[in-house]
């Protein structure tokens, strides 16, 4: 009797593990150059690639629920990768600017032979997204999705403009992202995770801390500072009427982004939702919005 129960338990466990393996994204490595290799994951078997770009110091892990959502898709192929210096990609000595990240993205897409891409950037990953567009154009894109990021980093007032930082940094936000990791990475990561998350459970904070810690503090500070000088607003405006546009932003940014979109890209759909990591915390809600948007993609 005991052996039978034990065997049944093992069979159940095996079936469970096989189920996980069957739905887990395919993790791979792509050699870009002799000194740089990109770690990436993908799921789905469709002809339309959706490339999800992680934000500052983040990795493919943040998109686990999007990869799972598209795992059985015969229309879309969901792909996400670790940018240079982040996650499991090569920790290079040089190249830690978003202009270089944009070139890395082009090389990544070219080597995978991706065409007709839906490009979805999150947070500072939007700068990576638009560094690609600025340098390589948008001819290879079917749609552009912005996830709680901005094409412009600095303005006069980040409370009324769609920007990350104030020019005078009177609120200390820019300094916090640059100097915080250098002064005390552990303490910074906790506060960074709290800023991103609605559910600030110990488990969630530890999860975000583990991901962010894969990027060195020096690279984190350098990326934030170099990103602060970028302005790709014109590149975004030029996409109006060329490709479908979707902006999913945290609720506190909703009115500001909607106002900007009305004046500059009136065709864009703007959806306020949760906090910075809404696509992970509110995956079902986010994925439903993305699916409705993708119905417009031909």
Protein backbone atom coordinates (compact mmCIF):
# COMPACT_ATOMS: atom_id res chain seq x y z
CA UNK A 1 0.00 0.00 0.00
CA UNK A 2 2.76 2.43 0.96
CA UNK A 3 4.72 1.60 -2.20
CA UNK A 4 1.62 2.17 -4.30
CA UNK A 5 0.98 5.56 -2.72
CA UNK A 6 4.64 6.46 -3.21
CA UNK A 7 4.56 5.41 -6.87
CA UNK A 8 1.37 7.38 -7.48
CA UNK A 9 2.94 10.42 -5.88
CA UNK A 10 6.03 10.09 -8.08
CA UNK A 11 3.87 9.76 -11.18
CA UNK A 12 1.89 12.84 -10.19
CA UNK A 13 5.11 14.78 -9.58
CA UNK A 14 6.52 13.65 -12.94
CA UNK A 15 3.37 14.75 -14.77
CA UNK A 16 3.51 18.10 -12.99
CA UNK A 17 7.16 18.63 -13.91
CA UNK A 18 6.56 17.63 -17.52
CA UNK A 19 3.69 20.10 -17.65
CA UNK A 20 6.00 22.86 -16.46
CA UNK A 21 8.62 21.90 -19.02
CA UNK A 22 6.03 21.84 -21.78
CA UNK A 23 4.95 25.41 -21.07
CA UNK A 24 8.35 26.87 -20.15
CA UNK A 25 9.89 29.25 -22.66
CA UNK A 26 12.91 28.07 -24.60
CA UNK A 27 16.03 29.69 -23.12
CA UNK A 28 18.93 30.09 -25.55
CA UNK A 29 22.14 32.03 -26.18
CA UNK A 30 23.02 33.97 -29.33
CA UNK A 31 26.59 34.97 -30.12
CA UNK A 32 26.61 38.56 -31.38
CA UNK A 33 30.40 38.99 -31.52
CA UNK A 34 33.54 37.37 -30.15
CA UNK A 35 33.07 39.28 -26.90
CA UNK A 36 29.29 39.51 -26.57
CA UNK A 37 26.58 36.86 -26.23
CA UNK A 38 22.88 37.54 -25.60
CA UNK A 39 20.74 35.28 -23.43
CA UNK A 40 17.14 35.14 -24.59
CA UNK A 41 13.90 33.21 -24.17
CA UNK A 42 11.05 32.61 -26.56
CA UNK A 43 7.69 30.91 -26.82
CA UNK A 44 4.96 30.47 -29.40
CA UNK A 45 5.14 29.36 -33.02
CA UNK A 46 3.59 32.29 -34.86
CA UNK A 47 4.91 34.31 -37.79
CA UNK A 48 4.69 37.68 -35.96
CA UNK A 49 7.50 38.21 -33.45
CA UNK A 50 6.84 40.26 -30.31
CA UNK A 51 10.17 41.39 -28.86
CA UNK A 52 9.81 42.36 -25.19
CA UNK A 53 12.66 44.58 -23.92
CA UNK A 54 13.41 44.57 -20.17
CA UNK A 55 14.05 47.80 -18.33
CA UNK A 56 17.06 49.13 -16.43
CA UNK A 57 18.95 46.28 -14.63
CA UNK A 58 16.13 43.83 -15.35
CA UNK A 59 16.09 40.53 -17.27
CA UNK A 60 13.91 38.09 -19.20
CA UNK A 61 12.38 36.93 -15.90
CA UNK A 62 10.06 39.93 -15.74
CA UNK A 63 8.29 38.73 -18.91
CA UNK A 64 7.67 35.16 -17.72
CA UNK A 65 3.90 35.68 -17.71
CA UNK A 66 3.88 37.03 -21.26
CA UNK A 67 5.99 34.10 -22.48
CA UNK A 68 3.57 31.72 -20.79
CA UNK A 69 0.59 33.55 -22.31
CA UNK A 70 1.89 33.14 -25.87
CA UNK A 71 3.34 29.64 -25.39
CA UNK A 72 0.67 27.97 -27.50
CA UNK A 73 0.16 30.79 -29.99
CA UNK A 74 0.24 29.92 -33.67
CA UNK A 75 0.13 33.62 -34.63
CA UNK A 76 2.72 35.22 -32.36
CA UNK A 77 6.25 34.33 -31.29
CA UNK A 78 7.11 36.01 -28.00
CA UNK A 79 10.81 36.78 -27.51
CA UNK A 80 12.65 38.54 -24.70
CA UNK A 81 16.34 38.96 -23.98
CA UNK A 82 18.82 40.21 -21.42
CA UNK A 83 20.45 43.44 -22.62
CA UNK A 84 24.22 43.85 -22.45
CA UNK A 85 25.41 43.74 -18.84
CA UNK A 86 22.04 42.50 -17.53
CA UNK A 87 20.68 39.09 -16.59
CA UNK A 88 22.67 36.25 -18.15
CA UNK A 89 24.04 38.17 -21.12
CA UNK A 90 27.75 39.01 -21.28
CA UNK A 91 29.01 41.50 -18.72
CA UNK A 92 31.12 43.51 -21.15
CA UNK A 93 33.57 46.22 -20.10
CA UNK A 94 32.28 48.69 -22.68
CA UNK A 95 29.09 49.56 -24.52
CA UNK A 96 26.86 50.54 -21.62
CA UNK A 97 24.85 53.22 -23.39
CA UNK A 98 21.38 52.96 -24.86
CA UNK A 99 22.69 53.86 -28.31
CA UNK A 100 24.84 50.72 -28.15
CA UNK A 101 21.91 48.76 -26.75
CA UNK A 102 19.97 49.85 -29.82
CA UNK A 103 22.70 48.48 -32.06
CA UNK A 104 22.74 45.28 -30.02
CA UNK A 105 19.00 44.95 -30.57
CA UNK A 106 19.43 45.29 -34.33
CA UNK A 107 22.16 42.65 -34.37
CA UNK A 108 19.99 40.35 -32.25
CA UNK A 109 16.99 40.74 -34.56
CA UNK A 110 19.12 40.35 -37.68
CA UNK A 111 20.78 37.16 -36.45
CA UNK A 112 17.38 35.66 -35.59
CA UNK A 113 16.04 36.76 -38.97
CA UNK A 114 13.11 38.63 -37.42
CA UNK A 115 10.85 40.70 -39.68
CA UNK A 116 7.52 42.43 -39.16
CA UNK A 117 8.29 42.84 -35.47
CA UNK A 118 6.05 44.14 -32.68
CA UNK A 119 8.57 45.98 -30.48
CA UNK A 120 7.60 46.32 -26.82
CA UNK A 121 9.92 48.22 -24.47
CA UNK A 122 9.46 48.67 -20.74
CA UNK A 123 10.83 51.50 -18.56
CA UNK A 124 14.32 52.49 -19.76
CA UNK A 125 13.90 49.67 -22.28
CA UNK A 126 11.87 52.27 -24.21
CA UNK A 127 15.14 54.16 -24.74
CA UNK A 128 16.66 50.92 -26.08
CA UNK A 129 13.63 50.51 -28.33
CA UNK A 130 13.90 54.04 -29.72
CA UNK A 131 17.69 53.94 -29.99
CA UNK A 132 17.05 51.08 -32.42
CA UNK A 133 14.36 53.04 -34.28
CA UNK A 134 16.51 56.19 -34.38
CA UNK A 135 19.48 54.35 -35.88
CA UNK A 136 17.79 51.68 -37.99
CA UNK A 137 14.35 53.07 -38.83
CA UNK A 138 10.93 51.50 -38.37
CA UNK A 139 10.57 49.65 -41.68
CA UNK A 140 10.93 46.29 -39.95
CA UNK A 141 8.21 47.03 -37.37
CA UNK A 142 4.52 46.11 -37.40
CA UNK A 143 3.65 47.91 -34.15
CA UNK A 144 5.23 49.68 -31.17
CA UNK A 145 4.25 49.13 -27.54
CA UNK A 146 5.54 51.39 -24.75
CA UNK A 147 5.25 49.95 -21.26
CA UNK A 148 5.61 52.61 -18.56
CA UNK A 149 8.55 54.32 -20.17
CA UNK A 150 9.13 57.59 -21.98
CA UNK A 151 10.92 58.53 -25.19
CA UNK A 152 12.34 61.59 -23.39
CA UNK A 153 14.23 61.53 -20.10
CA UNK A 154 14.44 65.14 -18.89
CA UNK A 155 12.00 68.06 -18.81
CA UNK A 156 11.17 71.00 -16.61
CA UNK A 157 8.62 69.12 -14.50
CA UNK A 158 8.24 65.34 -14.36
CA UNK A 159 4.88 65.82 -12.66
CA UNK A 160 3.29 67.47 -15.68
CA UNK A 161 5.50 66.24 -18.56
CA UNK A 162 6.03 62.72 -19.89
CA UNK A 163 9.63 62.55 -18.69
CA UNK A 164 11.55 60.73 -15.98
CA UNK A 165 13.55 63.57 -14.47
CA UNK A 166 13.42 67.30 -13.77
CA UNK A 167 16.21 69.31 -15.33
CA UNK A 168 17.22 70.68 -11.91
CA UNK A 169 16.59 67.31 -10.22
CA UNK A 170 14.89 69.18 -7.39
CA UNK A 171 13.17 65.97 -6.28
CA UNK A 172 16.45 64.01 -6.31
CA UNK A 173 14.97 61.26 -8.49
CA UNK A 174 17.82 61.15 -11.00
CA UNK A 175 20.45 61.28 -8.29
CA UNK A 176 18.72 58.42 -6.48
CA UNK A 177 18.89 56.11 -9.51
CA UNK A 178 22.53 57.01 -10.21
CA UNK A 179 24.06 57.23 -6.76
CA UNK A 180 21.76 54.82 -4.91
CA UNK A 181 23.29 51.64 -6.39
CA UNK A 182 26.81 52.98 -5.81
CA UNK A 183 26.25 53.92 -2.17
CA UNK A 184 24.28 50.90 -0.89
CA UNK A 185 23.03 48.47 -3.51
CA UNK A 186 21.11 46.27 -1.11
CA UNK A 187 19.12 49.13 0.42
CA UNK A 188 18.59 50.71 -2.99
CA UNK A 189 17.22 47.48 -4.50
CA UNK A 190 14.63 47.18 -1.76
CA UNK A 191 13.37 50.73 -2.32
CA UNK A 192 13.53 50.28 -6.10
CA UNK A 193 11.39 47.14 -5.84
CA UNK A 194 8.90 48.92 -3.59
CA UNK A 195 8.63 51.72 -6.16
CA UNK A 196 7.86 49.20 -8.89
CA UNK A 197 5.42 46.92 -7.08
CA UNK A 198 1.88 47.15 -5.75
CA UNK A 199 2.29 43.93 -3.78
CA UNK A 200 5.39 44.58 -1.68
CA UNK A 201 5.55 41.13 -0.13
CA UNK A 202 8.89 39.81 1.08
CA UNK A 203 8.82 37.27 -1.74
CA UNK A 204 8.21 39.89 -4.44
CA UNK A 205 10.88 42.23 -3.10
CA UNK A 206 13.41 39.39 -3.01
CA UNK A 207 12.48 38.38 -6.58
CA UNK A 208 13.10 41.91 -7.92
CA UNK A 209 16.30 42.27 -5.88
CA UNK A 210 17.71 39.03 -7.27
CA UNK A 211 17.11 40.13 -10.86
CA UNK A 212 18.47 43.65 -10.46
CA UNK A 213 21.58 42.42 -8.65
CA UNK A 214 22.72 40.63 -11.81
CA UNK A 215 23.71 44.06 -13.17
CA UNK A 216 26.74 45.61 -11.52
CA UNK A 217 26.26 48.85 -9.58
CA UNK A 218 28.73 50.68 -11.82
CA UNK A 219 26.89 49.66 -15.00
CA UNK A 220 23.55 50.53 -13.40
CA UNK A 221 24.74 54.04 -12.54
CA UNK A 222 26.32 54.54 -15.97
CA UNK A 223 23.20 53.42 -17.83
CA UNK A 224 21.00 55.76 -15.81
CA UNK A 225 23.23 58.76 -16.41
CA UNK A 226 23.72 58.17 -20.13
CA UNK A 227 20.00 57.49 -20.52
CA UNK A 228 19.16 60.79 -18.85
CA UNK A 229 20.46 62.76 -21.83
CA UNK A 230 18.30 61.08 -24.48
CA UNK A 231 15.27 62.50 -26.25
CA UNK A 232 13.56 60.34 -28.87
CA UNK A 233 10.26 62.24 -28.86
CA UNK A 234 10.60 63.16 -32.53
CA UNK A 235 11.20 59.51 -33.45
CA UNK A 236 7.97 58.54 -31.70
CA UNK A 237 5.96 61.36 -33.29
CA UNK A 238 7.18 60.23 -36.71
CA UNK A 239 5.60 56.81 -36.14
CA UNK A 240 2.11 58.36 -36.15
CA UNK A 241 0.00 56.80 -38.93
CA UNK A 242 2.87 54.45 -39.81
CA UNK A 243 2.40 51.71 -37.22
CA UNK A 244 -0.17 51.05 -34.46
CA UNK A 245 0.90 52.51 -31.10
CA UNK A 246 0.02 51.35 -27.58
CA UNK A 247 1.13 53.06 -24.36
CA UNK A 248 0.43 51.12 -21.14
CA UNK A 249 1.55 53.27 -18.23
CA UNK A 250 1.23 53.28 -14.45
CA UNK A 251 -1.91 55.00 -13.20
CA UNK A 252 -0.15 58.10 -11.84
CA UNK A 253 1.20 58.78 -15.36
CA UNK A 254 -2.13 58.21 -17.12
CA UNK A 255 -3.36 61.80 -17.56
CA UNK A 256 0.08 63.17 -18.48
CA UNK A 257 0.65 60.52 -21.16
CA UNK A 258 -2.89 60.81 -22.51
CA UNK A 259 -2.42 64.58 -22.91
CA UNK A 260 0.91 64.09 -24.69
CA UNK A 261 -0.52 61.44 -26.98
CA UNK A 262 -3.53 63.59 -27.92
CA UNK A 263 -1.20 66.39 -28.99
CA UNK A 264 1.49 64.31 -30.69
CA UNK A 265 0.31 60.79 -31.60
CA UNK A 266 -3.51 60.92 -31.54
CA UNK A 267 -3.85 57.42 -32.99
CA UNK A 268 -2.11 55.89 -29.97
CA UNK A 269 -4.10 53.92 -27.42
CA UNK A 270 -3.24 54.93 -23.83
CA UNK A 271 -4.08 52.52 -21.00
CA UNK A 272 -3.29 53.44 -17.35
CA UNK A 273 -2.76 50.39 -15.14
CA UNK A 274 -1.29 49.71 -11.71
CA UNK A 275 2.33 50.53 -10.97
CA UNK A 276 5.62 50.14 -12.83
CA UNK A 277 5.56 46.32 -13.01
CA UNK A 278 1.90 46.10 -13.95
CA UNK A 279 2.50 43.64 -16.80
CA UNK A 280 3.88 41.15 -14.27
CA UNK A 281 1.56 41.90 -11.33
CA UNK A 282 -1.57 42.31 -13.43
CA UNK A 283 -0.58 39.89 -16.17
CA UNK A 284 -4.10 38.81 -17.13
CA UNK A 285 -5.29 42.40 -17.44
CA UNK A 286 -2.18 43.49 -19.34
CA UNK A 287 -2.20 40.51 -21.67
CA UNK A 288 -5.86 41.12 -22.51
CA UNK A 289 -5.07 44.73 -23.43
CA UNK A 290 -2.13 43.61 -25.56
CA UNK A 291 -4.20 40.94 -27.31
CA UNK A 292 -6.93 43.46 -28.22
CA UNK A 293 -4.28 45.83 -29.55
CA UNK A 294 -2.62 43.08 -31.58
CA UNK A 295 -5.90 42.42 -33.39
CA UNK A 296 -4.97 45.58 -35.34
CA UNK A 297 -1.65 44.10 -36.44
CA UNK A 298 -1.74 42.58 -39.93
